[in-house]
């Protein structure tokens, strides 16, 4: 027998990662941490994020979400759009 569950409604804070100075400043302010983007492959920059599960990466267009316990993690834009709406 399978059980079904609904995600509890919760308001989150999020910032979209774009490869711009303004976006990087917003993410730094948002997370209260210094951030850095890896440009080893200039056409594919990525941001490293320390999460509860370890280090994850975000690509331009991904959302950086602050979770209910103050943790940060990346979210792909399609998942973000399917899961969240503006309040």
PDB file of N, CA and C in Angstrom:
ATOM      1  N   UNK A   1       0.840  -1.176   0.000  1.00  0.00           N
ATOM      2  CA  UNK A   1       0.000   0.000   0.000  1.00  0.00           C
ATOM      3  C   UNK A   1       0.885   1.239   0.000  1.00  0.00           C
ATOM      4  N   UNK A   2       0.658   2.154  -0.932  1.00  0.00           N
ATOM      5  CA  UNK A   2       1.464   3.363  -0.927  1.00  0.00           C
ATOM      6  C   UNK A   2       0.735   4.471  -0.181  1.00  0.00           C
ATOM      7  N   UNK A   3       1.532   5.270   0.464  1.00  0.00           N
ATOM      8  CA  UNK A   3       1.020   6.438   1.166  1.00  0.00           C
ATOM      9  C   UNK A   3       1.359   7.665   0.354  1.00  0.00           C
ATOM     10  N   UNK A   4       0.482   8.648   0.375  1.00  0.00           N
ATOM     11  CA  UNK A   4       0.741   9.885  -0.346  1.00  0.00           C
ATOM     12  C   UNK A   4       0.921  11.005   0.665  1.00  0.00           C
ATOM     13  N   UNK A   5       1.777  11.950   0.314  1.00  0.00           N
ATOM     14  CA  UNK A   5       2.075  13.078   1.184  1.00  0.00           C
ATOM     15  C   UNK A   5       2.079  14.354   0.371  1.00  0.00           C
ATOM     16  N   UNK A   6       1.678  15.431   0.994  1.00  0.00           N
ATOM     17  CA  UNK A   6       1.713  16.745   0.359  1.00  0.00           C
ATOM     18  C   UNK A   6       2.776  17.576   1.070  1.00  0.00           C
ATOM     19  N   UNK A   7       3.543  18.304   0.308  1.00  0.00           N
ATOM     20  CA  UNK A   7       4.558  19.188   0.883  1.00  0.00           C
ATOM     21  C   UNK A   7       3.865  20.291   1.672  1.00  0.00           C
ATOM     22  N   UNK A   8       4.341  20.527   2.887  1.00  0.00           N
ATOM     23  CA  UNK A   8       3.785  21.594   3.708  1.00  0.00           C
ATOM     24  C   UNK A   8       4.053  22.940   3.046  1.00  0.00           C
ATOM     25  N   UNK A   9       3.069  23.829   3.095  1.00  0.00           N
ATOM     26  CA  UNK A   9       3.346  25.162   2.530  1.00  0.00           C
ATOM     27  C   UNK A   9       4.358  25.900   3.402  1.00  0.00           C
ATOM     28  N   UNK A  10       5.381  26.377   2.776  1.00  0.00           N
ATOM     29  CA  UNK A  10       6.424  27.102   3.491  1.00  0.00           C
ATOM     30  C   UNK A  10       6.940  28.199   2.567  1.00  0.00           C
ATOM     31  N   UNK A  11       7.198  29.366   3.135  1.00  0.00           N
ATOM     32  CA  UNK A  11       7.746  30.470   2.360  1.00  0.00           C
ATOM     33  C   UNK A  11       9.265  30.399   2.448  1.00  0.00           C
ATOM     34  N   UNK A  12       9.919  30.426   1.303  1.00  0.00           N
ATOM     35  CA  UNK A  12      11.384  30.377   1.262  1.00  0.00           C
ATOM     36  C   UNK A  12      11.907  31.685   0.678  1.00  0.00           C
ATOM     37  N   UNK A  13      13.186  31.916   0.871  1.00  0.00           N
ATOM     38  CA  UNK A  13      13.878  33.027   0.225  1.00  0.00           C
ATOM     39  C   UNK A  13      14.779  32.421  -0.840  1.00  0.00           C
ATOM     40  N   UNK A  14      14.889  33.093  -1.973  1.00  0.00           N
ATOM     41  CA  UNK A  14      15.720  32.572  -3.061  1.00  0.00           C
ATOM     42  C   UNK A  14      16.268  33.721  -3.898  1.00  0.00           C
ATOM     43  N   UNK A  15      17.437  33.475  -4.470  1.00  0.00           N
ATOM     44  CA  UNK A  15      18.086  34.426  -5.371  1.00  0.00           C
ATOM     45  C   UNK A  15      18.515  33.638  -6.605  1.00  0.00           C
ATOM     46  N   UNK A  16      18.266  34.193  -7.780  1.00  0.00           N
ATOM     47  CA  UNK A  16      18.670  33.528  -9.019  1.00  0.00           C
ATOM     48  C   UNK A  16      20.145  33.818  -9.299  1.00  0.00           C
ATOM     49  N   UNK A  17      20.908  32.769  -9.590  1.00  0.00           N
ATOM     50  CA  UNK A  17      22.319  32.906  -9.908  1.00  0.00           C
ATOM     51  C   UNK A  17      22.481  33.216 -11.386  1.00  0.00           C
ATOM     52  N   UNK A  18      23.016  34.381 -11.659  1.00  0.00           N
ATOM     53  CA  UNK A  18      23.413  34.775 -13.008  1.00  0.00           C
ATOM     54  C   UNK A  18      24.889  35.143 -12.931  1.00  0.00           C
ATOM     55  N   UNK A  19      25.575  35.015 -14.001  1.00  0.00           N
ATOM     56  CA  UNK A  19      27.011  35.314 -14.020  1.00  0.00           C
ATOM     57  C   UNK A  19      27.224  36.821 -14.223  1.00  0.00           C
ATOM     58  N   UNK A  20      26.738  37.602 -13.258  1.00  0.00           N
ATOM     59  CA  UNK A  20      26.905  39.050 -13.284  1.00  0.00           C
ATOM     60  C   UNK A  20      27.383  39.519 -11.913  1.00  0.00           C
ATOM     61  N   UNK A  21      28.019  40.654 -11.876  1.00  0.00           N
ATOM     62  CA  UNK A  21      28.486  41.208 -10.604  1.00  0.00           C
ATOM     63  C   UNK A  21      27.314  41.464  -9.668  1.00  0.00           C
ATOM     64  N   UNK A  22      26.187  41.943 -10.209  1.00  0.00           N
ATOM     65  CA  UNK A  22      25.014  42.236  -9.383  1.00  0.00           C
ATOM     66  C   UNK A  22      24.453  40.963  -8.754  1.00  0.00           C
ATOM     67  N   UNK A  23      24.350  39.899  -9.525  1.00  0.00           N
ATOM     68  CA  UNK A  23      23.830  38.641  -9.012  1.00  0.00           C
ATOM     69  C   UNK A  23      24.756  38.053  -7.952  1.00  0.00           C
ATOM     70  N   UNK A  24      26.055  38.084  -8.208  1.00  0.00           N
ATOM     71  CA  UNK A  24      27.010  37.539  -7.240  1.00  0.00           C
ATOM     72  C   UNK A  24      26.993  38.338  -5.943  1.00  0.00           C
ATOM     73  N   UNK A  25      26.855  39.667  -6.036  1.00  0.00           N
ATOM     74  CA  UNK A  25      26.756  40.497  -4.828  1.00  0.00           C
ATOM     75  C   UNK A  25      25.480  40.169  -4.064  1.00  0.00           C
ATOM     76  N   UNK A  26      24.375  39.974  -4.779  1.00  0.00           N
ATOM     77  CA  UNK A  26      23.107  39.637  -4.127  1.00  0.00           C
ATOM     78  C   UNK A  26      23.193  38.295  -3.412  1.00  0.00           C
ATOM     79  N   UNK A  27      23.828  37.308  -4.041  1.00  0.00           N
ATOM     80  CA  UNK A  27      23.979  35.990  -3.411  1.00  0.00           C
ATOM     81  C   UNK A  27      24.882  36.086  -2.195  1.00  0.00           C
ATOM     82  N   UNK A  28      25.959  36.846  -2.292  1.00  0.00           N
ATOM     83  CA  UNK A  28      26.867  37.029  -1.157  1.00  0.00           C
ATOM     84  C   UNK A  28      26.147  37.693   0.016  1.00  0.00           C
ATOM     85  N   UNK A  29      25.377  38.741  -0.270  1.00  0.00           N
ATOM     86  CA  UNK A  29      24.604  39.413   0.784  1.00  0.00           C
ATOM     87  C   UNK A  29      23.557  38.468   1.367  1.00  0.00           C
ATOM     88  N   UNK A  30      22.886  37.730   0.517  1.00  0.00           N
ATOM     89  CA  UNK A  30      21.825  36.804   0.893  1.00  0.00           C
ATOM     90  C   UNK A  30      22.340  35.717   1.826  1.00  0.00           C
ATOM     91  N   UNK A  31      23.511  35.186   1.503  1.00  0.00           N
ATOM     92  CA  UNK A  31      24.048  34.059   2.272  1.00  0.00           C
ATOM     93  C   UNK A  31      24.981  34.478   3.395  1.00  0.00           C
ATOM     94  N   UNK A  32      25.352  35.758   3.439  1.00  0.00           N
ATOM     95  CA  UNK A  32      26.318  36.246   4.432  1.00  0.00           C
ATOM     96  C   UNK A  32      27.654  35.512   4.348  1.00  0.00           C
ATOM     97  N   UNK A  33      28.009  35.060   3.151  1.00  0.00           N
ATOM     98  CA  UNK A  33      29.270  34.340   2.951  1.00  0.00           C
ATOM     99  C   UNK A  33      29.953  34.877   1.714  1.00  0.00           C
ATOM    100  N   UNK A  34      31.273  34.779   1.713  1.00  0.00           N
ATOM    101  CA  UNK A  34      31.998  35.075   0.485  1.00  0.00           C
ATOM    102  C   UNK A  34      31.730  33.930  -0.488  1.00  0.00           C
ATOM    103  N   UNK A  35      31.517  34.278  -1.722  1.00  0.00           N
ATOM    104  CA  UNK A  35      31.257  33.252  -2.722  1.00  0.00           C
ATOM    105  C   UNK A  35      32.280  33.364  -3.834  1.00  0.00           C
ATOM    106  N   UNK A  36      32.419  32.291  -4.558  1.00  0.00           N
ATOM    107  CA  UNK A  36      33.323  32.337  -5.709  1.00  0.00           C
ATOM    108  C   UNK A  36      32.749  31.481  -6.825  1.00  0.00           C
ATOM    109  N   UNK A  37      33.021  31.915  -8.015  1.00  0.00           N
ATOM    110  CA  UNK A  37      32.571  31.202  -9.201  1.00  0.00           C
ATOM    111  C   UNK A  37      33.786  30.562  -9.849  1.00  0.00           C
ATOM    112  N   UNK A  38      33.642  29.318 -10.251  1.00  0.00           N
ATOM    113  CA  UNK A  38      34.718  28.600 -10.920  1.00  0.00           C
ATOM    114  C   UNK A  38      34.641  28.899 -12.416  1.00  0.00           C
ATOM    115  N   UNK A  39      35.729  29.438 -12.941  1.00  0.00           N
ATOM    116  CA  UNK A  39      35.808  29.786 -14.365  1.00  0.00           C
ATOM    117  C   UNK A  39      36.832  28.931 -15.095  1.00  0.00           C
ATOM    118  N   UNK A  40      37.090  27.704 -14.614  1.00  0.00           N
ATOM    119  CA  UNK A  40      38.038  26.833 -15.317  1.00  0.00           C
ATOM    120  C   UNK A  40      37.617  26.638 -16.765  1.00  0.00           C
ATOM    121  N   UNK A  41      36.310  26.550 -17.000  1.00  0.00           N
ATOM    122  CA  UNK A  41      35.764  26.523 -18.355  1.00  0.00           C
ATOM    123  C   UNK A  41      34.914  27.785 -18.478  1.00  0.00           C
ATOM    124  N   UNK A  42      35.469  28.857 -19.035  1.00  0.00           N
ATOM    125  CA  UNK A  42      34.778  30.156 -19.044  1.00  0.00           C
ATOM    126  C   UNK A  42      33.357  30.126 -19.614  1.00  0.00           C
ATOM    127  N   UNK A  43      33.089  29.216 -20.553  1.00  0.00           N
ATOM    128  CA  UNK A  43      31.743  29.155 -21.124  1.00  0.00           C
ATOM    129  C   UNK A  43      30.757  28.394 -20.218  1.00  0.00           C
ATOM    130  N   UNK A  44      31.266  27.752 -19.143  1.00  0.00           N
ATOM    131  CA  UNK A  44      30.420  27.002 -18.206  1.00  0.00           C
ATOM    132  C   UNK A  44      30.806  27.324 -16.754  1.00  0.00           C
ATOM    133  N   UNK A  45      30.621  28.567 -16.325  1.00  0.00           N
ATOM    134  CA  UNK A  45      30.962  28.895 -14.936  1.00  0.00           C
ATOM    135  C   UNK A  45      29.998  28.212 -13.971  1.00  0.00           C
ATOM    136  N   UNK A  46      30.474  27.953 -12.752  1.00  0.00           N
ATOM    137  CA  UNK A  46      29.570  27.403 -11.745  1.00  0.00           C
ATOM    138  C   UNK A  46      29.955  27.914 -10.371  1.00  0.00           C
ATOM    139  N   UNK A  47      28.961  27.929  -9.512  1.00  0.00           N
ATOM    140  CA  UNK A  47      29.091  28.399  -8.143  1.00  0.00           C
ATOM    141  C   UNK A  47      29.076  27.196  -7.220  1.00  0.00           C
ATOM    142  N   UNK A  48      30.019  27.129  -6.282  1.00  0.00           N
ATOM    143  CA  UNK A  48      30.027  26.051  -5.294  1.00  0.00           C
ATOM    144  C   UNK A  48      29.222  26.497  -4.084  1.00  0.00           C
ATOM    145  N   UNK A  49      28.352  25.616  -3.599  1.00  0.00           N
ATOM    146  CA  UNK A  49      27.512  25.914  -2.447  1.00  0.00           C
ATOM    147  C   UNK A  49      27.689  24.815  -1.412  1.00  0.00           C
ATOM    148  N   UNK A  50      27.973  25.219  -0.194  1.00  0.00           N
ATOM    149  CA  UNK A  50      28.102  24.254   0.901  1.00  0.00           C
ATOM    150  C   UNK A  50      26.714  24.006   1.480  1.00  0.00           C
ATOM    151  N   UNK A  51      26.223  22.775   1.325  1.00  0.00           N
ATOM    152  CA  UNK A  51      24.893  22.404   1.785  1.00  0.00           C
ATOM    153  C   UNK A  51      25.003  21.420   2.947  1.00  0.00           C
ATOM    154  N   UNK A  52      23.865  21.042   3.503  1.00  0.00           N
ATOM    155  CA  UNK A  52      23.863  20.044   4.566  1.00  0.00           C
ATOM    156  C   UNK A  52      24.324  18.682   4.056  1.00  0.00           C
ATOM    157  N   UNK A  53      24.191  18.450   2.753  1.00  0.00           N
ATOM    158  CA  UNK A  53      24.601  17.182   2.145  1.00  0.00           C
ATOM    159  C   UNK A  53      26.005  17.216   1.567  1.00  0.00           C
ATOM    160  N   UNK A  54      26.695  18.338   1.677  1.00  0.00           N
ATOM    161  CA  UNK A  54      28.024  18.478   1.103  1.00  0.00           C
ATOM    162  C   UNK A  54      28.051  19.607   0.093  1.00  0.00           C
ATOM    163  N   UNK A  55      29.107  19.669  -0.675  1.00  0.00           N
ATOM    164  CA  UNK A  55      29.263  20.747  -1.657  1.00  0.00           C
ATOM    165  C   UNK A  55      28.477  20.405  -2.922  1.00  0.00           C
ATOM    166  N   UNK A  56      27.653  21.359  -3.358  1.00  0.00           N
ATOM    167  CA  UNK A  56      26.894  21.218  -4.596  1.00  0.00           C
ATOM    168  C   UNK A  56      27.263  22.384  -5.495  1.00  0.00           C
ATOM    169  N   UNK A  57      26.929  22.277  -6.770  1.00  0.00           N
ATOM    170  CA  UNK A  57      27.235  23.359  -7.699  1.00  0.00           C
ATOM    171  C   UNK A  57      25.953  23.926  -8.296  1.00  0.00           C
ATOM    172  N   UNK A  58      26.024  25.200  -8.653  1.00  0.00           N
ATOM    173  CA  UNK A  58      24.922  25.880  -9.329  1.00  0.00           C
ATOM    174  C   UNK A  58      25.445  26.483 -10.619  1.00  0.00           C
ATOM    175  N   UNK A  59      24.660  26.369 -11.663  1.00  0.00           N
ATOM    176  CA  UNK A  59      24.976  26.959 -12.962  1.00  0.00           C
ATOM    177  C   UNK A  59      24.166  28.234 -13.125  1.00  0.00           C
ATOM    178  N   UNK A  60      24.598  29.133 -13.999  1.00  0.00           N
ATOM    179  CA  UNK A  60      23.786  30.323 -14.254  1.00  0.00           C
ATOM    180  C   UNK A  60      22.354  29.924 -14.615  1.00  0.00           C
ATOM    181  N   UNK A  61      21.394  30.618 -14.010  1.00  0.00           N
ATOM    182  CA  UNK A  61      19.979  30.304 -14.195  1.00  0.00           C
ATOM    183  C   UNK A  61      19.390  29.511 -13.053  1.00  0.00           C
ATOM    184  N   UNK A  62      20.247  28.833 -12.270  1.00  0.00           N
ATOM    185  CA  UNK A  62      19.773  28.094 -11.101  1.00  0.00           C
ATOM    186  C   UNK A  62      19.403  29.070  -9.986  1.00  0.00           C
ATOM    187  N   UNK A  63      18.527  28.624  -9.116  1.00  0.00           N
ATOM    188  CA  UNK A  63      18.132  29.411  -7.952  1.00  0.00           C
ATOM    189  C   UNK A  63      18.899  28.939  -6.736  1.00  0.00           C
ATOM    190  N   UNK A  64      19.291  29.869  -5.873  1.00  0.00           N
ATOM    191  CA  UNK A  64      19.918  29.548  -4.594  1.00  0.00           C
ATOM    192  C   UNK A  64      18.837  29.768  -3.545  1.00  0.00           C
ATOM    193  N   UNK A  65      18.490  28.703  -2.828  1.00  0.00           N
ATOM    194  CA  UNK A  65      17.390  28.727  -1.877  1.00  0.00           C
ATOM    195  C   UNK A  65      17.925  28.670  -0.460  1.00  0.00           C
ATOM    196  N   UNK A  66      17.311  29.467   0.397  1.00  0.00           N
ATOM    197  CA  UNK A  66      17.590  29.393   1.832  1.00  0.00           C
ATOM    198  C   UNK A  66      16.496  28.532   2.441  1.00  0.00           C
ATOM    199  N   UNK A  67      16.874  27.401   3.011  1.00  0.00           N
ATOM    200  CA  UNK A  67      15.906  26.453   3.560  1.00  0.00           C
ATOM    201  C   UNK A  67      15.371  26.870   4.915  1.00  0.00           C
ATOM    202  N   UNK A  68      14.471  26.052   5.441  1.00  0.00           N
ATOM    203  CA  UNK A  68      13.786  26.377   6.690  1.00  0.00           C
ATOM    204  C   UNK A  68      14.713  26.386   7.905  1.00  0.00           C
ATOM    205  N   UNK A  69      15.874  25.757   7.795  1.00  0.00           N
ATOM    206  CA  UNK A  69      16.847  25.756   8.893  1.00  0.00           C
ATOM    207  C   UNK A  69      18.013  26.692   8.628  1.00  0.00           C
ATOM    208  N   UNK A  70      17.863  27.575   7.626  1.00  0.00           N
ATOM    209  CA  UNK A  70      18.917  28.525   7.305  1.00  0.00           C
ATOM    210  C   UNK A  70      19.980  27.972   6.387  1.00  0.00           C
ATOM    211  N   UNK A  71      19.800  26.761   5.900  1.00  0.00           N
ATOM    212  CA  UNK A  71      20.764  26.149   4.994  1.00  0.00           C
ATOM    213  C   UNK A  71      20.540  26.662   3.579  1.00  0.00           C
ATOM    214  N   UNK A  72      21.560  26.550   2.739  1.00  0.00           N
ATOM    215  CA  UNK A  72      21.484  26.997   1.353  1.00  0.00           C
ATOM    216  C   UNK A  72      21.683  25.812   0.424  1.00  0.00           C
ATOM    217  N   UNK A  73      20.964  25.838  -0.684  1.00  0.00           N
ATOM    218  CA  UNK A  73      21.141  24.800  -1.684  1.00  0.00           C
ATOM    219  C   UNK A  73      20.665  25.298  -3.041  1.00  0.00           C
ATOM    220  N   UNK A  74      21.210  24.720  -4.125  1.00  0.00           N
ATOM    221  CA  UNK A  74      20.809  25.135  -5.470  1.00  0.00           C
ATOM    222  C   UNK A  74      19.561  24.384  -5.926  1.00  0.00           C
ATOM    223  N   UNK A  75      18.834  24.998  -6.852  1.00  0.00           N
ATOM    224  CA  UNK A  75      17.636  24.386  -7.418  1.00  0.00           C
ATOM    225  C   UNK A  75      17.571  24.745  -8.896  1.00  0.00           C
ATOM    226  N   UNK A  76      17.373  23.754  -9.747  1.00  0.00           N
ATOM    227  CA  UNK A  76      17.269  23.989 -11.189  1.00  0.00           C
ATOM    228  C   UNK A  76      15.999  24.790 -11.482  1.00  0.00           C
ATOM    229  N   UNK A  77      16.038  25.653 -12.515  1.00  0.00           N
ATOM    230  CA  UNK A  77      14.911  26.537 -12.783  1.00  0.00           C
ATOM    231  C   UNK A  77      13.582  25.817 -13.035  1.00  0.00           C
ATOM    232  N   UNK A  78      13.594  24.686 -13.720  1.00  0.00           N
ATOM    233  CA  UNK A  78      12.335  23.991 -13.990  1.00  0.00           C
ATOM    234  C   UNK A  78      11.711  23.433 -12.713  1.00  0.00           C
ATOM    235  N   UNK A  79      12.532  22.922 -11.810  1.00  0.00           N
ATOM    236  CA  UNK A  79      12.037  22.422 -10.523  1.00  0.00           C
ATOM    237  C   UNK A  79      11.535  23.587  -9.676  1.00  0.00           C
ATOM    238  N   UNK A  80      12.279  24.687  -9.694  1.00  0.00           N
ATOM    239  CA  UNK A  80      11.879  25.869  -8.933  1.00  0.00           C
ATOM    240  C   UNK A  80      10.505  26.357  -9.396  1.00  0.00           C
ATOM    241  N   UNK A  81      10.316  26.483 -10.716  1.00  0.00           N
ATOM    242  CA  UNK A  81       9.045  26.966 -11.254  1.00  0.00           C
ATOM    243  C   UNK A  81       7.899  26.018 -10.940  1.00  0.00           C
ATOM    244  N   UNK A  82       8.156  24.705 -10.918  1.00  0.00           N
ATOM    245  CA  UNK A  82       7.109  23.721 -10.627  1.00  0.00           C
ATOM    246  C   UNK A  82       6.765  23.686  -9.150  1.00  0.00           C
ATOM    247  N   UNK A  83       7.683  24.124  -8.287  1.00  0.00           N
ATOM    248  CA  UNK A  83       7.506  23.985  -6.849  1.00  0.00           C
ATOM    249  C   UNK A  83       7.114  25.268  -6.150  1.00  0.00           C
ATOM    250  N   UNK A  84       7.585  26.408  -6.635  1.00  0.00           N
ATOM    251  CA  UNK A  84       7.389  27.671  -5.921  1.00  0.00           C
ATOM    252  C   UNK A  84       6.643  28.695  -6.771  1.00  0.00           C
ATOM    253  N   UNK A  85       5.975  29.609  -6.087  1.00  0.00           N
ATOM    254  CA  UNK A  85       5.332  30.738  -6.742  1.00  0.00           C
ATOM    255  C   UNK A  85       5.592  31.980  -5.902  1.00  0.00           C
ATOM    256  N   UNK A  86       5.606  33.147  -6.519  1.00  0.00           N
ATOM    257  CA  UNK A  86       5.860  34.384  -5.760  1.00  0.00           C
ATOM    258  C   UNK A  86       4.764  34.627  -4.718  1.00  0.00           C
ATOM    259  N   UNK A  87       5.154  35.213  -3.588  1.00  0.00           N
ATOM    260  CA  UNK A  87       4.174  35.605  -2.559  1.00  0.00           C
ATOM    261  C   UNK A  87       4.172  37.105  -2.385  1.00  0.00           C
TER     262      UNK A  87
END
